[in-house]
Amino acid sequence: MQGTFGQVEFVPLPPRFAERVRWGSVVVGCSMIAGMVLLFGLTTFLQGIVHGHAFPDALVGKAAAVLPPLGVLAISVLVLSSRRCLRGDYLVVAIAASARNALVFTYVLTLVLILGSFAVPIVFRVWRDSSQYQAPDVLTTFSTLAFATMGFLAGMFYVRPSMQTLRKFSDHPIW
């Protein structure tokens, strides 16, 4: 069930699913942004209590604290922009493919950043007030991983719907 108009290929979507993409992408993207800002604020607050200041002393520690949340914010922006894959109730295949590629690239990059932020306190001494290497912040690491994974899955749901999803939202037997 694909159609072309000029050089652009369209796939018809059930109207209820297209509406879900329009509103769901905004809700998920904004929720991810708000949740990541709150998580980052909580982390810096707790680090301020434990160490006397919010960010690590070493530059590599500061990068490890800031880069994974920025990766999650990039995923949330991609989820917000998944609305641009729609033209009415049609999915523009080329835009959806580029959105999928961007989501995969950003998710893999965020996973690498999360793994790096988990390893930095083990390998480097990032706080001056401690003479030893410290355990990584497990709450922040796994929360950031959860945000990134949920955003990635929601984004893929919007830009690459399965046939089962299209059947679920369809009122017509063509799906």
C-alpha atoms as a PDB file:
ATOM      1  CA  MET A   1       0.000   0.000   0.000  1.00  0.00           C
ATOM      2  CA  GLN A   2       2.519   2.590  -1.076  1.00  0.00           C
ATOM      3  CA  GLY A   3       2.033   5.485  -3.405  1.00  0.00           C
ATOM      4  CA  THR A   4       4.334   7.916  -5.093  1.00  0.00           C
ATOM      5  CA  PHE A   5       3.874  11.511  -6.065  1.00  0.00           C
ATOM      6  CA  GLY A   6       6.737  12.712  -8.203  1.00  0.00           C
ATOM      7  CA  GLN A   7       9.871  11.365  -6.557  1.00  0.00           C
ATOM      8  CA  VAL A   8       8.501  11.204  -2.991  1.00  0.00           C
ATOM      9  CA  GLU A   9       7.175   7.904  -1.703  1.00  0.00           C
ATOM     10  CA  PHE A  10       4.281   7.914   0.768  1.00  0.00           C
ATOM     11  CA  VAL A  11       2.787   5.172   2.930  1.00  0.00           C
ATOM     12  CA  PRO A  12      -0.790   5.669   4.092  1.00  0.00           C
ATOM     13  CA  LEU A  13      -1.283   5.467   7.851  1.00  0.00           C
ATOM     14  CA  PRO A  14      -4.483   4.874   9.784  1.00  0.00           C
ATOM     15  CA  PRO A  15      -5.784   8.288  10.909  1.00  0.00           C
ATOM     16  CA  ARG A  16      -5.754   7.269  14.575  1.00  0.00           C
ATOM     17  CA  PHE A  17      -2.085   6.274  14.348  1.00  0.00           C
ATOM     18  CA  ALA A  18      -1.165   9.493  12.545  1.00  0.00           C
ATOM     19  CA  GLU A  19      -2.867  11.418  15.341  1.00  0.00           C
ATOM     20  CA  ARG A  20      -0.953   9.332  17.896  1.00  0.00           C
ATOM     21  CA  VAL A  21       2.319  10.258  16.178  1.00  0.00           C
ATOM     22  CA  ARG A  22       1.410  13.952  16.151  1.00  0.00           C
ATOM     23  CA  TRP A  23       0.536  14.182  19.838  1.00  0.00           C
ATOM     24  CA  GLY A  24       2.573  11.310  21.231  1.00  0.00           C
ATOM     25  CA  SER A  25       5.842  12.626  19.870  1.00  0.00           C
ATOM     26  CA  VAL A  26       5.259  15.942  21.626  1.00  0.00           C
ATOM     27  CA  VAL A  27       4.289  14.289  24.909  1.00  0.00           C
ATOM     28  CA  VAL A  28       7.204  11.832  24.887  1.00  0.00           C
ATOM     29  CA  GLY A  29       9.766  14.401  23.729  1.00  0.00           C
ATOM     30  CA  CYS A  30       8.745  17.041  26.260  1.00  0.00           C
ATOM     31  CA  SER A  31       8.541  14.447  29.051  1.00  0.00           C
ATOM     32  CA  MET A  32      12.046  13.260  28.238  1.00  0.00           C
ATOM     33  CA  ILE A  33      13.378  16.808  28.306  1.00  0.00           C
ATOM     34  CA  ALA A  34      11.675  17.612  31.616  1.00  0.00           C
ATOM     35  CA  GLY A  35      12.696  14.286  33.168  1.00  0.00           C
ATOM     36  CA  MET A  36      16.315  14.622  32.097  1.00  0.00           C
ATOM     37  CA  VAL A  37      16.526  18.183  33.427  1.00  0.00           C
ATOM     38  CA  LEU A  38      15.053  17.027  36.752  1.00  0.00           C
ATOM     39  CA  LEU A  39      17.407  14.034  36.915  1.00  0.00           C
ATOM     40  CA  PHE A  40      20.423  16.226  36.144  1.00  0.00           C
ATOM     41  CA  GLY A  41      19.301  18.728  38.791  1.00  0.00           C
ATOM     42  CA  LEU A  42      18.863  15.956  41.364  1.00  0.00           C
ATOM     43  CA  THR A  43      22.280  14.537  40.538  1.00  0.00           C
ATOM     44  CA  THR A  44      24.054  17.864  40.849  1.00  0.00           C
ATOM     45  CA  PHE A  45      22.184  18.587  44.095  1.00  0.00           C
ATOM     46  CA  LEU A  46      23.217  15.257  45.613  1.00  0.00           C
ATOM     47  CA  GLN A  47      26.808  15.663  44.430  1.00  0.00           C
ATOM     48  CA  GLY A  48      26.817  19.117  46.017  1.00  0.00           C
ATOM     49  CA  ILE A  49      25.778  17.603  49.331  1.00  0.00           C
ATOM     50  CA  VAL A  50      28.309  14.768  49.178  1.00  0.00           C
ATOM     51  CA  HIS A  51      31.324  16.659  47.777  1.00  0.00           C
ATOM     52  CA  GLY A  52      30.576  20.288  48.535  1.00  0.00           C
ATOM     53  CA  HIS A  53      30.195  21.250  44.875  1.00  0.00           C
ATOM     54  CA  ALA A  54      28.006  19.953  42.081  1.00  0.00           C
ATOM     55  CA  PHE A  55      30.502  18.996  39.375  1.00  0.00           C
ATOM     56  CA  PRO A  56      33.653  16.879  39.554  1.00  0.00           C
ATOM     57  CA  ASP A  57      37.013  18.624  39.724  1.00  0.00           C
ATOM     58  CA  ALA A  58      38.581  16.861  36.752  1.00  0.00           C
ATOM     59  CA  LEU A  59      37.615  17.901  33.231  1.00  0.00           C
ATOM     60  CA  VAL A  60      36.987  14.287  32.210  1.00  0.00           C
ATOM     61  CA  GLY A  61      34.587  13.982  35.158  1.00  0.00           C
ATOM     62  CA  LYS A  62      32.707  17.082  34.074  1.00  0.00           C
ATOM     63  CA  ALA A  63      32.419  15.706  30.557  1.00  0.00           C
ATOM     64  CA  ALA A  64      31.210  12.365  31.908  1.00  0.00           C
ATOM     65  CA  ALA A  65      28.558  14.165  33.955  1.00  0.00           C
ATOM     66  CA  VAL A  66      27.275  16.372  31.132  1.00  0.00           C
ATOM     67  CA  LEU A  67      27.547  14.400  27.868  1.00  0.00           C
ATOM     68  CA  PRO A  68      25.124  11.478  28.512  1.00  0.00           C
ATOM     69  CA  PRO A  69      22.231  13.807  29.436  1.00  0.00           C
ATOM     70  CA  LEU A  70      22.987  15.804  26.296  1.00  0.00           C
ATOM     71  CA  GLY A  71      22.716  12.574  24.285  1.00  0.00           C
ATOM     72  CA  VAL A  72      19.307  11.904  25.823  1.00  0.00           C
ATOM     73  CA  LEU A  73      18.243  15.463  25.027  1.00  0.00           C
ATOM     74  CA  ALA A  74      19.304  14.871  21.416  1.00  0.00           C
ATOM     75  CA  ILE A  75      17.134  11.737  21.308  1.00  0.00           C
ATOM     76  CA  SER A  76      14.216  13.706  22.728  1.00  0.00           C
ATOM     77  CA  VAL A  77      14.636  16.353  20.020  1.00  0.00           C
ATOM     78  CA  LEU A  78      14.599  13.589  17.393  1.00  0.00           C
ATOM     79  CA  VAL A  79      11.405  12.174  18.925  1.00  0.00           C
ATOM     80  CA  LEU A  80       9.866  15.659  18.852  1.00  0.00           C
ATOM     81  CA  SER A  81      10.851  16.056  15.223  1.00  0.00           C
ATOM     82  CA  SER A  82       9.333  12.720  14.177  1.00  0.00           C
ATOM     83  CA  ARG A  83       6.179  14.692  13.403  1.00  0.00           C
ATOM     84  CA  ARG A  84       7.873  16.003  10.275  1.00  0.00           C
ATOM     85  CA  CYS A  85       7.704  12.490   8.790  1.00  0.00           C
ATOM     86  CA  LEU A  86       3.953  12.951   8.301  1.00  0.00           C
ATOM     87  CA  ARG A  87       2.143  14.682   5.471  1.00  0.00           C
ATOM     88  CA  GLY A  88      -1.475  14.523   6.466  1.00  0.00           C
ATOM     89  CA  ASP A  89      -2.154  10.858   7.217  1.00  0.00           C
ATOM     90  CA  TYR A  90       0.791   9.661   5.105  1.00  0.00           C
ATOM     91  CA  LEU A  91       4.289   8.717   6.201  1.00  0.00           C
ATOM     92  CA  VAL A  92       7.005  10.154   3.955  1.00  0.00           C
ATOM     93  CA  VAL A  93       9.358   7.194   3.540  1.00  0.00           C
ATOM     94  CA  ALA A  94      12.578   9.131   2.849  1.00  0.00           C
ATOM     95  CA  ILE A  95      12.164  11.421   5.862  1.00  0.00           C
ATOM     96  CA  ALA A  96      11.219   8.470   8.079  1.00  0.00           C
ATOM     97  CA  ALA A  97      14.310   6.546   6.943  1.00  0.00           C
ATOM     98  CA  SER A  98      16.596   9.465   7.741  1.00  0.00           C
ATOM     99  CA  ALA A  99      14.869   9.896  11.124  1.00  0.00           C
ATOM    100  CA  ARG A 100      15.433   6.182  11.875  1.00  0.00           C
ATOM    101  CA  ASN A 101      19.112   6.473  10.945  1.00  0.00           C
ATOM    102  CA  ALA A 102      19.504   9.558  13.124  1.00  0.00           C
ATOM    103  CA  LEU A 103      17.772   7.809  16.031  1.00  0.00           C
ATOM    104  CA  VAL A 104      19.998   4.741  15.748  1.00  0.00           C
ATOM    105  CA  PHE A 105      23.173   6.833  15.489  1.00  0.00           C
ATOM    106  CA  THR A 106      22.206   9.048  18.438  1.00  0.00           C
ATOM    107  CA  TYR A 107      21.158   6.073  20.560  1.00  0.00           C
ATOM    108  CA  VAL A 108      24.436   4.212  19.938  1.00  0.00           C
ATOM    109  CA  LEU A 109      26.409   7.387  20.652  1.00  0.00           C
ATOM    110  CA  THR A 110      24.437   7.910  23.876  1.00  0.00           C
ATOM    111  CA  LEU A 111      25.097   4.308  24.925  1.00  0.00           C
ATOM    112  CA  VAL A 112      28.828   4.867  24.411  1.00  0.00           C
ATOM    113  CA  LEU A 113      28.648   8.080  26.439  1.00  0.00           C
ATOM    114  CA  ILE A 114      26.748   6.314  29.238  1.00  0.00           C
ATOM    115  CA  LEU A 115      29.280   3.498  29.308  1.00  0.00           C
ATOM    116  CA  GLY A 116      32.072   6.063  29.369  1.00  0.00           C
ATOM    117  CA  SER A 117      30.459   8.009  32.204  1.00  0.00           C
ATOM    118  CA  PHE A 118      30.143   4.753  34.124  1.00  0.00           C
ATOM    119  CA  ALA A 119      33.839   3.947  33.622  1.00  0.00           C
ATOM    120  CA  VAL A 120      35.326   7.412  34.233  1.00  0.00           C
ATOM    121  CA  PRO A 121      35.105   7.411  38.076  1.00  0.00           C
ATOM    122  CA  ILE A 122      36.568   3.898  38.137  1.00  0.00           C
ATOM    123  CA  VAL A 123      39.551   4.772  35.941  1.00  0.00           C
ATOM    124  CA  PHE A 124      40.179   8.431  36.878  1.00  0.00           C
ATOM    125  CA  ARG A 125      40.158  10.311  40.146  1.00  0.00           C
ATOM    126  CA  VAL A 126      37.547  12.966  39.453  1.00  0.00           C
ATOM    127  CA  TRP A 127      37.000  14.424  42.952  1.00  0.00           C
ATOM    128  CA  ARG A 128      39.853  16.111  44.856  1.00  0.00           C
ATOM    129  CA  ASP A 129      38.333  15.443  48.263  1.00  0.00           C
ATOM    130  CA  SER A 130      38.823  11.704  47.789  1.00  0.00           C
ATOM    131  CA  SER A 131      42.228  10.059  47.539  1.00  0.00           C
ATOM    132  CA  GLN A 132      40.746   6.930  46.001  1.00  0.00           C
ATOM    133  CA  TYR A 133      38.911   6.051  42.876  1.00  0.00           C
ATOM    134  CA  GLN A 134      35.176   6.019  43.424  1.00  0.00           C
ATOM    135  CA  ALA A 135      32.274   3.891  42.348  1.00  0.00           C
ATOM    136  CA  PRO A 136      30.215   5.363  39.528  1.00  0.00           C
ATOM    137  CA  ASP A 137      26.859   6.993  40.170  1.00  0.00           C
ATOM    138  CA  VAL A 138      24.554   4.064  39.496  1.00  0.00           C
ATOM    139  CA  LEU A 139      21.286   6.007  39.826  1.00  0.00           C
ATOM    140  CA  THR A 140      22.236   8.525  37.171  1.00  0.00           C
ATOM    141  CA  THR A 141      23.758   5.924  34.876  1.00  0.00           C
ATOM    142  CA  PHE A 142      20.778   3.600  34.826  1.00  0.00           C
ATOM    143  CA  SER A 143      18.229   6.419  34.782  1.00  0.00           C
ATOM    144  CA  THR A 144      19.957   7.975  31.796  1.00  0.00           C
ATOM    145  CA  LEU A 145      20.049   4.567  30.121  1.00  0.00           C
ATOM    146  CA  ALA A 146      16.320   4.123  30.782  1.00  0.00           C
ATOM    147  CA  PHE A 147      15.506   7.571  29.357  1.00  0.00           C
ATOM    148  CA  ALA A 148      17.606   6.923  26.262  1.00  0.00           C
ATOM    149  CA  THR A 149      16.100   3.484  25.645  1.00  0.00           C
ATOM    150  CA  MET A 150      12.512   4.618  26.127  1.00  0.00           C
ATOM    151  CA  GLY A 151      13.031   7.603  23.836  1.00  0.00           C
ATOM    152  CA  PHE A 152      14.675   5.443  21.191  1.00  0.00           C
ATOM    153  CA  LEU A 153      11.856   2.871  21.288  1.00  0.00           C
ATOM    154  CA  ALA A 154       9.160   5.559  21.162  1.00  0.00           C
ATOM    155  CA  GLY A 155      10.889   7.270  18.251  1.00  0.00           C
ATOM    156  CA  MET A 156      11.211   4.008  16.339  1.00  0.00           C
ATOM    157  CA  PHE A 157       7.529   3.268  17.060  1.00  0.00           C
ATOM    158  CA  TYR A 158       6.611   6.589  15.445  1.00  0.00           C
ATOM    159  CA  VAL A 159       8.859   6.483  12.374  1.00  0.00           C
ATOM    160  CA  ARG A 160       8.764   2.736  11.693  1.00  0.00           C
ATOM    161  CA  PRO A 161       5.405   1.317  12.718  1.00  0.00           C
ATOM    162  CA  SER A 162       4.946  -2.426  12.522  1.00  0.00           C
ATOM    163  CA  MET A 163       2.113  -4.049  10.621  1.00  0.00           C
ATOM    164  CA  GLN A 164       0.648  -5.214  13.926  1.00  0.00           C
ATOM    165  CA  THR A 165       0.553  -1.599  15.144  1.00  0.00           C
ATOM    166  CA  LEU A 166      -1.053  -0.408  11.909  1.00  0.00           C
ATOM    167  CA  ARG A 167      -3.684  -3.159  12.166  1.00  0.00           C
ATOM    168  CA  LYS A 168      -4.386  -2.195  15.769  1.00  0.00           C
ATOM    169  CA  PHE A 169      -5.069   1.440  14.873  1.00  0.00           C
ATOM    170  CA  SER A 170      -6.845   0.782  11.583  1.00  0.00           C
ATOM    171  CA  ASP A 171     -10.582   0.869  11.011  1.00  0.00           C
ATOM    172  CA  HIS A 172     -10.188  -0.758   7.590  1.00  0.00           C
ATOM    173  CA  PRO A 173      -9.178  -4.326   6.731  1.00  0.00           C
ATOM    174  CA  ILE A 174      -6.440  -3.248   4.282  1.00  0.00           C
ATOM    175  CA  TRP A 175      -3.845  -3.510   7.030  1.00  0.00           C
END
